[in-house]
Amino acid sequence: MNDEATRKPARDPQDLARLLVSRQQAGDAEGMAALYTPDAILDIGGGQLARGRDAIRAFYARLVMTGPKFELGDQRPAMINADLALTSTRLPDGTVTVEIARRQGDGTWLWVIDQPSVLP
């Protein structure tokens, strides 16, 4: 699953979380980063942000090697307004995520902002 040509794009903002979990479980940090815009930001905890796809890729590369496997949670319906969408998931441990996705020119969706842990 590490081949870019075989990765499925997010045709709906709700697809992003499922694709992220699938790629993380496959150890595909490159594919995880591909779900973000080139200028995206990801809160990586401790008051730090990964800024840009390269920094996000580096963070996920470390995470797939040492971190726990992601699990799908209970997704709330995406709130879509034109080319922006707010997505949110309650994870099995009770953590709530919130993300902002942007529709791309080809109709696919990528995350612009990712806050993986809003509530403990």
PDB file of N, CA and C in Angstrom:
ATOM      1  N   MET A   1       0.825  -1.198   0.000  1.00  0.00           N
ATOM      2  CA  MET A   1       0.000   0.000   0.000  1.00  0.00           C
ATOM      3  C   MET A   1       0.862   1.251   0.000  1.00  0.00           C
ATOM      4  N   ASN A   2       2.127   1.131  -0.151  1.00  0.00           N
ATOM      5  CA  ASN A   2       3.010   2.291  -0.152  1.00  0.00           C
ATOM      6  C   ASN A   2       3.181   2.897  -1.537  1.00  0.00           C
ATOM      7  N   ASP A   3       2.457   2.416  -2.522  1.00  0.00           N
ATOM      8  CA  ASP A   3       2.557   2.925  -3.879  1.00  0.00           C
ATOM      9  C   ASP A   3       1.494   3.997  -4.094  1.00  0.00           C
ATOM     10  N   GLU A   4       1.940   5.204  -4.385  1.00  0.00           N
ATOM     11  CA  GLU A   4       1.021   6.339  -4.531  1.00  0.00           C
ATOM     12  C   GLU A   4      -0.066   6.075  -5.560  1.00  0.00           C
ATOM     13  N   ALA A   5       0.256   5.370  -6.635  1.00  0.00           N
ATOM     14  CA  ALA A   5      -0.715   5.121  -7.695  1.00  0.00           C
ATOM     15  C   ALA A   5      -1.874   4.246  -7.220  1.00  0.00           C
ATOM     16  N   THR A   6      -1.673   3.433  -6.196  1.00  0.00           N
ATOM     17  CA  THR A   6      -2.734   2.537  -5.730  1.00  0.00           C
ATOM     18  C   THR A   6      -3.527   3.108  -4.564  1.00  0.00           C
ATOM     19  N   ARG A   7      -3.139   4.245  -4.042  1.00  0.00           N
ATOM     20  CA  ARG A   7      -3.865   4.850  -2.920  1.00  0.00           C
ATOM     21  C   ARG A   7      -5.167   5.472  -3.402  1.00  0.00           C
ATOM     22  N   LYS A   8      -6.225   5.183  -2.698  1.00  0.00           N
ATOM     23  CA  LYS A   8      -7.516   5.784  -3.036  1.00  0.00           C
ATOM     24  C   LYS A   8      -7.581   7.196  -2.455  1.00  0.00           C
ATOM     25  N   PRO A   9      -8.109   8.146  -3.223  1.00  0.00           N
ATOM     26  CA  PRO A   9      -8.271   9.504  -2.693  1.00  0.00           C
ATOM     27  C   PRO A   9      -9.547   9.607  -1.864  1.00  0.00           C
ATOM     28  N   ALA A  10      -9.633  10.645  -1.075  1.00  0.00           N
ATOM     29  CA  ALA A  10     -10.843  10.924  -0.298  1.00  0.00           C
ATOM     30  C   ALA A  10     -11.819  11.663  -1.206  1.00  0.00           C
ATOM     31  N   ARG A  11     -12.876  10.989  -1.597  1.00  0.00           N
ATOM     32  CA  ARG A  11     -13.909  11.599  -2.446  1.00  0.00           C
ATOM     33  C   ARG A  11     -14.933  12.352  -1.607  1.00  0.00           C
ATOM     34  N   ASP A  12     -14.916  12.104  -0.312  1.00  0.00           N
ATOM     35  CA  ASP A  12     -15.819  12.736   0.646  1.00  0.00           C
ATOM     36  C   ASP A  12     -14.971  13.063   1.877  1.00  0.00           C
ATOM     37  N   PRO A  13     -15.238  14.151   2.576  1.00  0.00           N
ATOM     38  CA  PRO A  13     -14.417  14.454   3.755  1.00  0.00           C
ATOM     39  C   PRO A  13     -14.466  13.351   4.810  1.00  0.00           C
ATOM     40  N   GLN A  14     -15.569  12.597   4.862  1.00  0.00           N
ATOM     41  CA  GLN A  14     -15.683  11.492   5.816  1.00  0.00           C
ATOM     42  C   GLN A  14     -14.691  10.366   5.506  1.00  0.00           C
ATOM     43  N   ASP A  15     -14.206  10.293   4.277  1.00  0.00           N
ATOM     44  CA  ASP A  15     -13.243   9.251   3.899  1.00  0.00           C
ATOM     45  C   ASP A  15     -11.888   9.446   4.566  1.00  0.00           C
ATOM     46  N   LEU A  16     -11.543  10.670   4.914  1.00  0.00           N
ATOM     47  CA  LEU A  16     -10.188  10.968   5.388  1.00  0.00           C
ATOM     48  C   LEU A  16      -9.801  10.171   6.628  1.00  0.00           C
ATOM     49  N   ALA A  17     -10.667  10.098   7.622  1.00  0.00           N
ATOM     50  CA  ALA A  17     -10.333   9.375   8.856  1.00  0.00           C
ATOM     51  C   ALA A  17     -10.130   7.889   8.574  1.00  0.00           C
ATOM     52  N   ARG A  18     -11.016   7.306   7.775  1.00  0.00           N
ATOM     53  CA  ARG A  18     -10.892   5.887   7.440  1.00  0.00           C
ATOM     54  C   ARG A  18      -9.589   5.612   6.703  1.00  0.00           C
ATOM     55  N   LEU A  19      -9.252   6.472   5.756  1.00  0.00           N
ATOM     56  CA  LEU A  19      -8.007   6.302   5.003  1.00  0.00           C
ATOM     57  C   LEU A  19      -6.790   6.478   5.902  1.00  0.00           C
ATOM     58  N   LEU A  20      -6.845   7.439   6.827  1.00  0.00           N
ATOM     59  CA  LEU A  20      -5.722   7.644   7.743  1.00  0.00           C
ATOM     60  C   LEU A  20      -5.482   6.393   8.589  1.00  0.00           C
ATOM     61  N   VAL A  21      -6.533   5.835   9.152  1.00  0.00           N
ATOM     62  CA  VAL A  21      -6.400   4.637   9.984  1.00  0.00           C
ATOM     63  C   VAL A  21      -5.860   3.477   9.157  1.00  0.00           C
ATOM     64  N   SER A  22      -6.416   3.278   7.982  1.00  0.00           N
ATOM     65  CA  SER A  22      -5.973   2.185   7.113  1.00  0.00           C
ATOM     66  C   SER A  22      -4.495   2.308   6.759  1.00  0.00           C
ATOM     67  N   ARG A  23      -4.072   3.499   6.412  1.00  0.00           N
ATOM     68  CA  ARG A  23      -2.672   3.712   6.030  1.00  0.00           C
ATOM     69  C   ARG A  23      -1.740   3.595   7.232  1.00  0.00           C
ATOM     70  N   GLN A  24      -2.186   4.059   8.397  1.00  0.00           N
ATOM     71  CA  GLN A  24      -1.353   3.924   9.593  1.00  0.00           C
ATOM     72  C   GLN A  24      -1.181   2.455   9.940  1.00  0.00           C
ATOM     73  N   GLN A  25      -2.246   1.687   9.865  1.00  0.00           N
ATOM     74  CA  GLN A  25      -2.158   0.262  10.172  1.00  0.00           C
ATOM     75  C   GLN A  25      -1.264  -0.472   9.178  1.00  0.00           C
ATOM     76  N   ALA A  26      -1.158   0.057   7.954  1.00  0.00           N
ATOM     77  CA  ALA A  26      -0.285  -0.533   6.935  1.00  0.00           C
ATOM     78  C   ALA A  26       1.151  -0.015   7.035  1.00  0.00           C
ATOM     79  N   GLY A  27       1.406   0.927   7.941  1.00  0.00           N
ATOM     80  CA  GLY A  27       2.751   1.492   8.076  1.00  0.00           C
ATOM     81  C   GLY A  27       3.107   2.464   6.973  1.00  0.00           C
ATOM     82  N   ASP A  28       2.102   3.074   6.351  1.00  0.00           N
ATOM     83  CA  ASP A  28       2.299   3.951   5.193  1.00  0.00           C
ATOM     84  C   ASP A  28       2.286   5.428   5.607  1.00  0.00           C
ATOM     85  N   ALA A  29       3.390   5.892   6.176  1.00  0.00           N
ATOM     86  CA  ALA A  29       3.484   7.288   6.616  1.00  0.00           C
ATOM     87  C   ALA A  29       3.364   8.251   5.443  1.00  0.00           C
ATOM     88  N   GLU A  30       3.918   7.897   4.312  1.00  0.00           N
ATOM     89  CA  GLU A  30       3.816   8.740   3.113  1.00  0.00           C
ATOM     90  C   GLU A  30       2.351   8.904   2.715  1.00  0.00           C
ATOM     91  N   GLY A  31       1.614   7.804   2.738  1.00  0.00           N
ATOM     92  CA  GLY A  31       0.193   7.849   2.408  1.00  0.00           C
ATOM     93  C   GLY A  31      -0.620   8.639   3.415  1.00  0.00           C
ATOM     94  N   MET A  32      -0.218   8.568   4.678  1.00  0.00           N
ATOM     95  CA  MET A  32      -0.897   9.360   5.707  1.00  0.00           C
ATOM     96  C   MET A  32      -0.700  10.840   5.427  1.00  0.00           C
ATOM     97  N   ALA A  33       0.524  11.230   5.138  1.00  0.00           N
ATOM     98  CA  ALA A  33       0.827  12.638   4.856  1.00  0.00           C
ATOM     99  C   ALA A  33       0.123  13.115   3.593  1.00  0.00           C
ATOM    100  N   ALA A  34      -0.114  12.209   2.650  1.00  0.00           N
ATOM    101  CA  ALA A  34      -0.782  12.575   1.397  1.00  0.00           C
ATOM    102  C   ALA A  34      -2.238  12.976   1.614  1.00  0.00           C
ATOM    103  N   LEU A  35      -2.778  12.747   2.799  1.00  0.00           N
ATOM    104  CA  LEU A  35      -4.149  13.145   3.118  1.00  0.00           C
ATOM    105  C   LEU A  35      -4.242  14.598   3.570  1.00  0.00           C
ATOM    106  N   TYR A  36      -3.116  15.298   3.566  1.00  0.00           N
ATOM    107  CA  TYR A  36      -3.029  16.688   4.011  1.00  0.00           C
ATOM    108  C   TYR A  36      -2.599  17.584   2.857  1.00  0.00           C
ATOM    109  N   THR A  37      -3.041  18.838   2.890  1.00  0.00           N
ATOM    110  CA  THR A  37      -2.570  19.811   1.909  1.00  0.00           C
ATOM    111  C   THR A  37      -1.088  20.100   2.177  1.00  0.00           C
ATOM    112  N   PRO A  38      -0.361  20.593   1.177  1.00  0.00           N
ATOM    113  CA  PRO A  38       1.063  20.883   1.387  1.00  0.00           C
ATOM    114  C   PRO A  38       1.331  21.870   2.522  1.00  0.00           C
ATOM    115  N   ASP A  39       0.367  22.747   2.823  1.00  0.00           N
ATOM    116  CA  ASP A  39       0.562  23.754   3.872  1.00  0.00           C
ATOM    117  C   ASP A  39      -0.227  23.446   5.148  1.00  0.00           C
ATOM    118  N   ALA A  40      -0.656  22.211   5.321  1.00  0.00           N
ATOM    119  CA  ALA A  40      -1.478  21.822   6.469  1.00  0.00           C
ATOM    120  C   ALA A  40      -0.717  21.932   7.783  1.00  0.00           C
ATOM    121  N   ILE A  41      -1.492  21.984   8.876  1.00  0.00           N
ATOM    122  CA  ILE A  41      -0.893  21.922  10.210  1.00  0.00           C
ATOM    123  C   ILE A  41      -1.555  20.793  10.993  1.00  0.00           C
ATOM    124  N   LEU A  42      -0.737  20.124  11.801  1.00  0.00           N
ATOM    125  CA  LEU A  42      -1.174  19.013  12.635  1.00  0.00           C
ATOM    126  C   LEU A  42      -0.672  19.253  14.046  1.00  0.00           C
ATOM    127  N   ASP A  43      -1.586  19.257  15.003  1.00  0.00           N
ATOM    128  CA  ASP A  43      -1.195  19.386  16.409  1.00  0.00           C
ATOM    129  C   ASP A  43      -0.593  18.053  16.841  1.00  0.00           C
ATOM    130  N   ILE A  44       0.678  18.054  17.215  1.00  0.00           N
ATOM    131  CA  ILE A  44       1.345  16.807  17.594  1.00  0.00           C
ATOM    132  C   ILE A  44       1.530  16.697  19.106  1.00  0.00           C
ATOM    133  N   GLY A  45       0.858  17.568  19.838  1.00  0.00           N
ATOM    134  CA  GLY A  45       0.893  17.500  21.296  1.00  0.00           C
ATOM    135  C   GLY A  45       2.000  18.340  21.893  1.00  0.00           C
ATOM    136  N   GLY A  46       1.886  18.581  23.172  1.00  0.00           N
ATOM    137  CA  GLY A  46       2.897  19.355  23.875  1.00  0.00           C
ATOM    138  C   GLY A  46       3.030  20.777  23.379  1.00  0.00           C
ATOM    139  N   GLY A  47       1.955  21.315  22.803  1.00  0.00           N
ATOM    140  CA  GLY A  47       2.004  22.679  22.288  1.00  0.00           C
ATOM    141  C   GLY A  47       2.759  22.819  20.981  1.00  0.00           C
ATOM    142  N   GLN A  48       3.058  21.701  20.320  1.00  0.00           N
ATOM    143  CA  GLN A  48       3.821  21.742  19.069  1.00  0.00           C
ATOM    144  C   GLN A  48       2.927  21.425  17.877  1.00  0.00           C
ATOM    145  N   LEU A  49       3.261  22.051  16.757  1.00  0.00           N
ATOM    146  CA  LEU A  49       2.559  21.814  15.503  1.00  0.00           C
ATOM    147  C   LEU A  49       3.533  21.284  14.467  1.00  0.00           C
ATOM    148  N   ALA A  50       3.080  20.319  13.686  1.00  0.00           N
ATOM    149  CA  ALA A  50       3.810  19.917  12.484  1.00  0.00           C
ATOM    150  C   ALA A  50       3.240  20.789  11.373  1.00  0.00           C
ATOM    151  N   ARG A  51       4.093  21.612  10.764  1.00  0.00           N
ATOM    152  CA  ARG A  51       3.647  22.555   9.733  1.00  0.00           C
ATOM    153  C   ARG A  51       4.136  22.101   8.372  1.00  0.00           C
ATOM    154  N   GLY A  52       3.191  21.817   7.499  1.00  0.00           N
ATOM    155  CA  GLY A  52       3.523  21.390   6.146  1.00  0.00           C
ATOM    156  C   GLY A  52       3.576  19.875   6.031  1.00  0.00           C
ATOM    157  N   ARG A  53       3.352  19.408   4.819  1.00  0.00           N
ATOM    158  CA  ARG A  53       3.276  17.969   4.573  1.00  0.00           C
ATOM    159  C   ARG A  53       4.564  17.245   4.932  1.00  0.00           C
ATOM    160  N   ASP A  54       5.725  17.861   4.703  1.00  0.00           N
ATOM    161  CA  ASP A  54       6.988  17.194   5.035  1.00  0.00           C
ATOM    162  C   ASP A  54       7.110  16.952   6.533  1.00  0.00           C
ATOM    163  N   ALA A  55       6.752  17.937   7.344  1.00  0.00           N
ATOM    164  CA  ALA A  55       6.811  17.774   8.800  1.00  0.00           C
ATOM    165  C   ALA A  55       5.778  16.753   9.272  1.00  0.00           C
ATOM    166  N   ILE A  56       4.617  16.755   8.647  1.00  0.00           N
ATOM    167  CA  ILE A  56       3.579  15.782   8.990  1.00  0.00           C
ATOM    168  C   ILE A  56       4.055  14.377   8.631  1.00  0.00           C
ATOM    169  N   ARG A  57       4.667  14.224   7.474  1.00  0.00           N
ATOM    170  CA  ARG A  57       5.223  12.932   7.062  1.00  0.00           C
ATOM    171  C   ARG A  57       6.266  12.442   8.064  1.00  0.00           C
ATOM    172  N   ALA A  58       7.158  13.318   8.484  1.00  0.00           N
ATOM    173  CA  ALA A  58       8.202  12.939   9.447  1.00  0.00           C
ATOM    174  C   ALA A  58       7.579  12.505  10.776  1.00  0.00           C
ATOM    175  N   PHE A  59       6.562  13.221  11.222  1.00  0.00           N
ATOM    176  CA  PHE A  59       5.887  12.843  12.466  1.00  0.00           C
ATOM    177  C   PHE A  59       5.259  11.464  12.334  1.00  0.00           C
ATOM    178  N   TYR A  60       4.524  11.238  11.244  1.00  0.00           N
ATOM    179  CA  TYR A  60       3.872   9.940  11.064  1.00  0.00           C
ATOM    180  C   TYR A  60       4.880   8.817  10.843  1.00  0.00           C
ATOM    181  N   ALA A  61       6.015   9.111  10.230  1.00  0.00           N
ATOM    182  CA  ALA A  61       7.048   8.081  10.051  1.00  0.00           C
ATOM    183  C   ALA A  61       7.522   7.574  11.415  1.00  0.00           C
ATOM    184  N   ARG A  62       7.699   8.483  12.358  1.00  0.00           N
ATOM    185  CA  ARG A  62       8.077   8.067  13.718  1.00  0.00           C
ATOM    186  C   ARG A  62       6.933   7.315  14.392  1.00  0.00           C
ATOM    187  N   LEU A  63       5.726   7.803  14.199  1.00  0.00           N
ATOM    188  CA  LEU A  63       4.567   7.211  14.858  1.00  0.00           C
ATOM    189  C   LEU A  63       4.307   5.779  14.389  1.00  0.00           C
ATOM    190  N   VAL A  64       4.423   5.517  13.091  1.00  0.00           N
ATOM    191  CA  VAL A  64       4.146   4.161  12.611  1.00  0.00           C
ATOM    192  C   VAL A  64       5.186   3.168  13.116  1.00  0.00           C
ATOM    193  N   MET A  65       6.371   3.663  13.450  1.00  0.00           N
ATOM    194  CA  MET A  65       7.416   2.782  13.967  1.00  0.00           C
ATOM    195  C   MET A  65       7.251   2.499  15.462  1.00  0.00           C
ATOM    196  N   THR A  66       6.752   3.468  16.218  1.00  0.00           N
ATOM    197  CA  THR A  66       6.763   3.332  17.677  1.00  0.00           C
ATOM    198  C   THR A  66       5.405   3.468  18.343  1.00  0.00           C
ATOM    199  N   GLY A  67       4.450   4.049  17.668  1.00  0.00           N
ATOM    200  CA  GLY A  67       3.173   4.354  18.314  1.00  0.00           C
ATOM    201  C   GLY A  67       2.173   3.220  18.240  1.00  0.00           C
ATOM    202  N   PRO A  68       1.065   3.367  18.965  1.00  0.00           N
ATOM    203  CA  PRO A  68      -0.003   2.367  18.913  1.00  0.00           C
ATOM    204  C   PRO A  68      -0.733   2.436  17.576  1.00  0.00           C
ATOM    205  N   LYS A  69      -1.401   1.367  17.227  1.00  0.00           N
ATOM    206  CA  LYS A  69      -2.198   1.344  15.998  1.00  0.00           C
ATOM    207  C   LYS A  69      -3.464   2.168  16.203  1.00  0.00           C
ATOM    208  N   PHE A  70      -3.810   2.956  15.191  1.00  0.00           N
ATOM    209  CA  PHE A  70      -5.035   3.744  15.237  1.00  0.00           C
ATOM    210  C   PHE A  70      -6.243   2.812  15.123  1.00  0.00           C
ATOM    211  N   GLU A  71      -7.362   3.264  15.664  1.00  0.00           N
ATOM    212  CA  GLU A  71      -8.631   2.560  15.529  1.00  0.00           C
ATOM    213  C   GLU A  71      -9.677   3.547  15.027  1.00  0.00           C
ATOM    214  N   LEU A  72     -10.630   3.027  14.242  1.00  0.00           N
ATOM    215  CA  LEU A  72     -11.731   3.874  13.803  1.00  0.00           C
ATOM    216  C   LEU A  72     -12.611   4.204  14.993  1.00  0.00           C
ATOM    217  N   GLY A  73     -13.169   5.383  14.970  1.00  0.00           N
ATOM    218  CA  GLY A  73     -14.075   5.806  16.025  1.00  0.00           C
ATOM    219  C   GLY A  73     -15.447   6.105  15.462  1.00  0.00           C
ATOM    220  N   ASP A  74     -16.234   6.820  16.242  1.00  0.00           N
ATOM    221  CA  ASP A  74     -17.582   7.215  15.859  1.00  0.00           C
ATOM    222  C   ASP A  74     -17.510   8.584  15.191  1.00  0.00           C
ATOM    223  N   GLN A  75     -17.625   8.599  13.871  1.00  0.00           N
ATOM    224  CA  GLN A  75     -17.539   9.859  13.132  1.00  0.00           C
ATOM    225  C   GLN A  75     -18.860  10.609  13.208  1.00  0.00           C
ATOM    226  N   ARG A  76     -18.765  11.905  13.458  1.00  0.00           N
ATOM    227  CA  ARG A  76     -19.922  12.783  13.351  1.00  0.00           C
ATOM    228  C   ARG A  76     -20.081  13.139  11.875  1.00  0.00           C
ATOM    229  N   PRO A  77     -21.302  13.431  11.439  1.00  0.00           N
ATOM    230  CA  PRO A  77     -21.466  13.851  10.049  1.00  0.00           C
ATOM    231  C   PRO A  77     -20.649  15.120   9.776  1.00  0.00           C
ATOM    232  N   ALA A  78     -20.002  15.150   8.638  1.00  0.00           N
ATOM    233  CA  ALA A  78     -19.208  16.323   8.267  1.00  0.00           C
ATOM    234  C   ALA A  78     -20.129  17.521   8.058  1.00  0.00           C
ATOM    235  N   MET A  79     -19.669  18.684   8.511  1.00  0.00           N
ATOM    236  CA  MET A  79     -20.365  19.941   8.229  1.00  0.00           C
ATOM    237  C   MET A  79     -19.645  20.563   7.038  1.00  0.00           C
ATOM    238  N   ILE A  80     -20.342  20.639   5.910  1.00  0.00           N
ATOM    239  CA  ILE A  80     -19.724  21.107   4.672  1.00  0.00           C
ATOM    240  C   ILE A  80     -20.319  22.448   4.284  1.00  0.00           C
ATOM    241  N   ASN A  81     -19.440  23.398   3.962  1.00  0.00           N
ATOM    242  CA  ASN A  81     -19.833  24.706   3.462  1.00  0.00           C
ATOM    243  C   ASN A  81     -18.921  25.014   2.290  1.00  0.00           C
ATOM    244  N   ALA A  82     -19.494  24.944   1.095  1.00  0.00           N
ATOM    245  CA  ALA A  82     -18.726  25.171  -0.139  1.00  0.00           C
ATOM    246  C   ALA A  82     -17.546  24.196  -0.187  1.00  0.00           C
ATOM    247  N   ASP A  83     -16.319  24.700  -0.183  1.00  0.00           N
ATOM    248  CA  ASP A  83     -15.141  23.840  -0.314  1.00  0.00           C
ATOM    249  C   ASP A  83     -14.455  23.543   1.011  1.00  0.00           C
ATOM    250  N   LEU A  84     -15.126  23.814   2.126  1.00  0.00           N
ATOM    251  CA  LEU A  84     -14.568  23.510   3.447  1.00  0.00           C
ATOM    252  C   LEU A  84     -15.477  22.532   4.180  1.00  0.00           C
ATOM    253  N   ALA A  85     -14.860  21.680   4.990  1.00  0.00           N
ATOM    254  CA  ALA A  85     -15.631  20.725   5.786  1.00  0.00           C
ATOM    255  C   ALA A  85     -15.004  20.600   7.165  1.00  0.00           C
ATOM    256  N   LEU A  86     -15.861  20.530   8.170  1.00  0.00           N
ATOM    257  CA  LEU A  86     -15.432  20.265   9.536  1.00  0.00           C
ATOM    258  C   LEU A  86     -15.748  18.803   9.821  1.00  0.00           C
ATOM    259  N   THR A  87     -14.719  18.030  10.183  1.00  0.00           N
ATOM    260  CA  THR A  87     -14.907  16.626  10.513  1.00  0.00           C
ATOM    261  C   THR A  87     -14.526  16.407  11.970  1.00  0.00           C
ATOM    262  N   SER A  88     -15.154  15.408  12.577  1.00  0.00           N
ATOM    263  CA  SER A  88     -14.884  15.122  13.984  1.00  0.00           C
ATOM    264  C   SER A  88     -15.188  13.660  14.264  1.00  0.00           C
ATOM    265  N   THR A  89     -14.383  13.066  15.137  1.00  0.00           N
ATOM    266  CA  THR A  89     -14.543  11.659  15.504  1.00  0.00           C
ATOM    267  C   THR A  89     -14.333  11.504  17.002  1.00  0.00           C
ATOM    268  N   ARG A  90     -15.187  10.691  17.628  1.00  0.00           N
ATOM    269  CA  ARG A  90     -14.941  10.277  19.012  1.00  0.00           C
ATOM    270  C   ARG A  90     -14.273   8.917  18.919  1.00  0.00           C
ATOM    271  N   LEU A  91     -13.028   8.855  19.401  1.00  0.00           N
ATOM    272  CA  LEU A  91     -12.240   7.633  19.336  1.00  0.00           C
ATOM    273  C   LEU A  91     -12.663   6.663  20.435  1.00  0.00           C
ATOM    274  N   PRO A  92     -12.308   5.382  20.295  1.00  0.00           N
ATOM    275  CA  PRO A  92     -12.706   4.389  21.305  1.00  0.00           C
ATOM    276  C   PRO A  92     -12.301   4.749  22.736  1.00  0.00           C
ATOM    277  N   ASP A  93     -11.219   5.506  22.917  1.00  0.00           N
ATOM    278  CA  ASP A  93     -10.787   5.882  24.273  1.00  0.00           C
ATOM    279  C   ASP A  93     -11.489   7.138  24.797  1.00  0.00           C
ATOM    280  N   GLY A  94     -12.446   7.683  24.019  1.00  0.00           N
ATOM    281  CA  GLY A  94     -13.182   8.869  24.430  1.00  0.00           C
ATOM    282  C   GLY A  94     -12.607  10.173  23.913  1.00  0.00           C
ATOM    283  N   THR A  95     -11.405  10.133  23.375  1.00  0.00           N
ATOM    284  CA  THR A  95     -10.789  11.321  22.791  1.00  0.00           C
ATOM    285  C   THR A  95     -11.629  11.798  21.605  1.00  0.00           C
ATOM    286  N   VAL A  96     -11.723  13.096  21.442  1.00  0.00           N
ATOM    287  CA  VAL A  96     -12.448  13.680  20.317  1.00  0.00           C
ATOM    288  C   VAL A  96     -11.449  14.387  19.413  1.00  0.00           C
ATOM    289  N   THR A  97     -11.563  14.132  18.121  1.00  0.00           N
ATOM    290  CA  THR A  97     -10.720  14.808  17.136  1.00  0.00           C
ATOM    291  C   THR A  97     -11.560  15.829  16.386  1.00  0.00           C
ATOM    292  N   VAL A  98     -10.901  16.825  15.839  1.00  0.00           N
ATOM    293  CA  VAL A  98     -11.582  17.783  14.975  1.00  0.00           C
ATOM    294  C   VAL A  98     -10.607  18.212  13.886  1.00  0.00           C
ATOM    295  N   GLU A  99     -11.125  18.266  12.666  1.00  0.00           N
ATOM    296  CA  GLU A  99     -10.286  18.594  11.516  1.00  0.00           C
ATOM    297  C   GLU A  99     -11.048  19.510  10.563  1.00  0.00           C
ATOM    298  N   ILE A 100     -10.293  20.252   9.789  1.00  0.00           N
ATOM    299  CA  ILE A 100     -10.863  21.043   8.700  1.00  0.00           C
ATOM    300  C   ILE A 100     -10.263  20.516   7.407  1.00  0.00           C
ATOM    301  N   ALA A 101     -11.145  20.174   6.477  1.00  0.00           N
ATOM    302  CA  ALA A 101     -10.723  19.670   5.171  1.00  0.00           C
ATOM    303  C   ALA A 101     -11.112  20.679   4.099  1.00  0.00           C
ATOM    304  N   ARG A 102     -10.368  20.651   3.011  1.00  0.00           N
ATOM    305  CA  ARG A 102     -10.657  21.534   1.878  1.00  0.00           C
ATOM    306  C   ARG A 102     -10.820  20.679   0.621  1.00  0.00           C
ATOM    307  N   ARG A 103     -11.881  20.988  -0.144  1.00  0.00           N
ATOM    308  CA  ARG A 103     -12.083  20.312  -1.429  1.00  0.00           C
ATOM    309  C   ARG A 103     -11.024  20.817  -2.407  1.00  0.00           C
ATOM    310  N   GLN A 104     -10.402  19.887  -3.098  1.00  0.00           N
ATOM    311  CA  GLN A 104      -9.367  20.217  -4.072  1.00  0.00           C
ATOM    312  C   GLN A 104      -9.988  20.432  -5.453  1.00  0.00           C
ATOM    313  N   GLY A 105      -9.222  20.939  -6.371  1.00  0.00           N
ATOM    314  CA  GLY A 105      -9.711  21.220  -7.716  1.00  0.00           C
ATOM    315  C   GLY A 105     -10.261  20.006  -8.440  1.00  0.00           C
ATOM    316  N   ASP A 106      -9.756  18.816  -8.086  1.00  0.00           N
ATOM    317  CA  ASP A 106     -10.220  17.587  -8.735  1.00  0.00           C
ATOM    318  C   ASP A 106     -11.405  16.951  -8.007  1.00  0.00           C
ATOM    319  N   GLY A 107     -11.929  17.637  -6.984  1.00  0.00           N
ATOM    320  CA  GLY A 107     -13.082  17.137  -6.248  1.00  0.00           C
ATOM    321  C   GLY A 107     -12.743  16.278  -5.041  1.00  0.00           C
ATOM    322  N   THR A 108     -11.478  15.945  -4.854  1.00  0.00           N
ATOM    323  CA  THR A 108     -11.082  15.170  -3.676  1.00  0.00           C
ATOM    324  C   THR A 108     -10.926  16.105  -2.479  1.00  0.00           C
ATOM    325  N   TRP A 109     -10.761  15.523  -1.296  1.00  0.00           N
ATOM    326  CA  TRP A 109     -10.658  16.292  -0.058  1.00  0.00           C
ATOM    327  C   TRP A 109      -9.341  16.009   0.634  1.00  0.00           C
ATOM    328  N   LEU A 110      -8.745  17.045   1.218  1.00  0.00           N
ATOM    329  CA  LEU A 110      -7.527  16.923   2.018  1.00  0.00           C
ATOM    330  C   LEU A 110      -7.694  17.750   3.285  1.00  0.00           C
ATOM    331  N   TRP A 111      -7.072  17.276   4.355  1.00  0.00           N
ATOM    332  CA  TRP A 111      -7.097  18.043   5.592  1.00  0.00           C
ATOM    333  C   TRP A 111      -6.160  19.237   5.519  1.00  0.00           C
ATOM    334  N   VAL A 112      -6.598  20.354   6.090  1.00  0.00           N
ATOM    335  CA  VAL A 112      -5.817  21.583   6.189  1.00  0.00           C
ATOM    336  C   VAL A 112      -5.354  21.786   7.632  1.00  0.00           C
ATOM    337  N   ILE A 113      -6.230  21.457   8.574  1.00  0.00           N
ATOM    338  CA  ILE A 113      -5.941  21.576  10.007  1.00  0.00           C
ATOM    339  C   ILE A 113      -6.402  20.290  10.681  1.00  0.00           C
ATOM    340  N   ASP A 114      -5.550  19.737  11.541  1.00  0.00           N
ATOM    341  CA  ASP A 114      -5.889  18.502  12.250  1.00  0.00           C
ATOM    342  C   ASP A 114      -5.550  18.659  13.728  1.00  0.00           C
ATOM    343  N   GLN A 115      -6.575  18.580  14.552  1.00  0.00           N
ATOM    344  CA  GLN A 115      -6.437  18.632  16.012  1.00  0.00           C
ATOM    345  C   GLN A 115      -6.880  17.263  16.527  1.00  0.00           C
ATOM    346  N   PRO A 116      -5.935  16.317  16.696  1.00  0.00           N
ATOM    347  CA  PRO A 116      -6.328  14.949  17.019  1.00  0.00           C
ATOM    348  C   PRO A 116      -6.862  14.724  18.427  1.00  0.00           C
ATOM    349  N   SER A 117      -6.705  15.660  19.326  1.00  0.00           N
ATOM    350  CA  SER A 117      -7.155  15.429  20.697  1.00  0.00           C
ATOM    351  C   SER A 117      -7.709  16.723  21.283  1.00  0.00           C
ATOM    352  N   VAL A 118      -9.033  16.858  21.212  1.00  0.00           N
ATOM    353  CA  VAL A 118      -9.679  18.052  21.740  1.00  0.00           C
ATOM    354  C   VAL A 118     -10.085  17.836  23.195  1.00  0.00           C
ATOM    355  N   LEU A 119     -10.633  16.679  23.485  1.00  0.00           N
ATOM    356  CA  LEU A 119     -11.070  16.336  24.842  1.00  0.00           C
ATOM    357  C   LEU A 119     -10.342  15.084  25.307  1.00  0.00           C
ATOM    358  N   PRO A 120      -9.889  15.060  26.551  1.00  0.00           N
ATOM    359  CA  PRO A 120      -9.228  13.843  27.055  1.00  0.00           C
ATOM    360  C   PRO A 120     -10.214  12.707  27.234  1.00  0.00           C
TER     361      PRO A 120
END
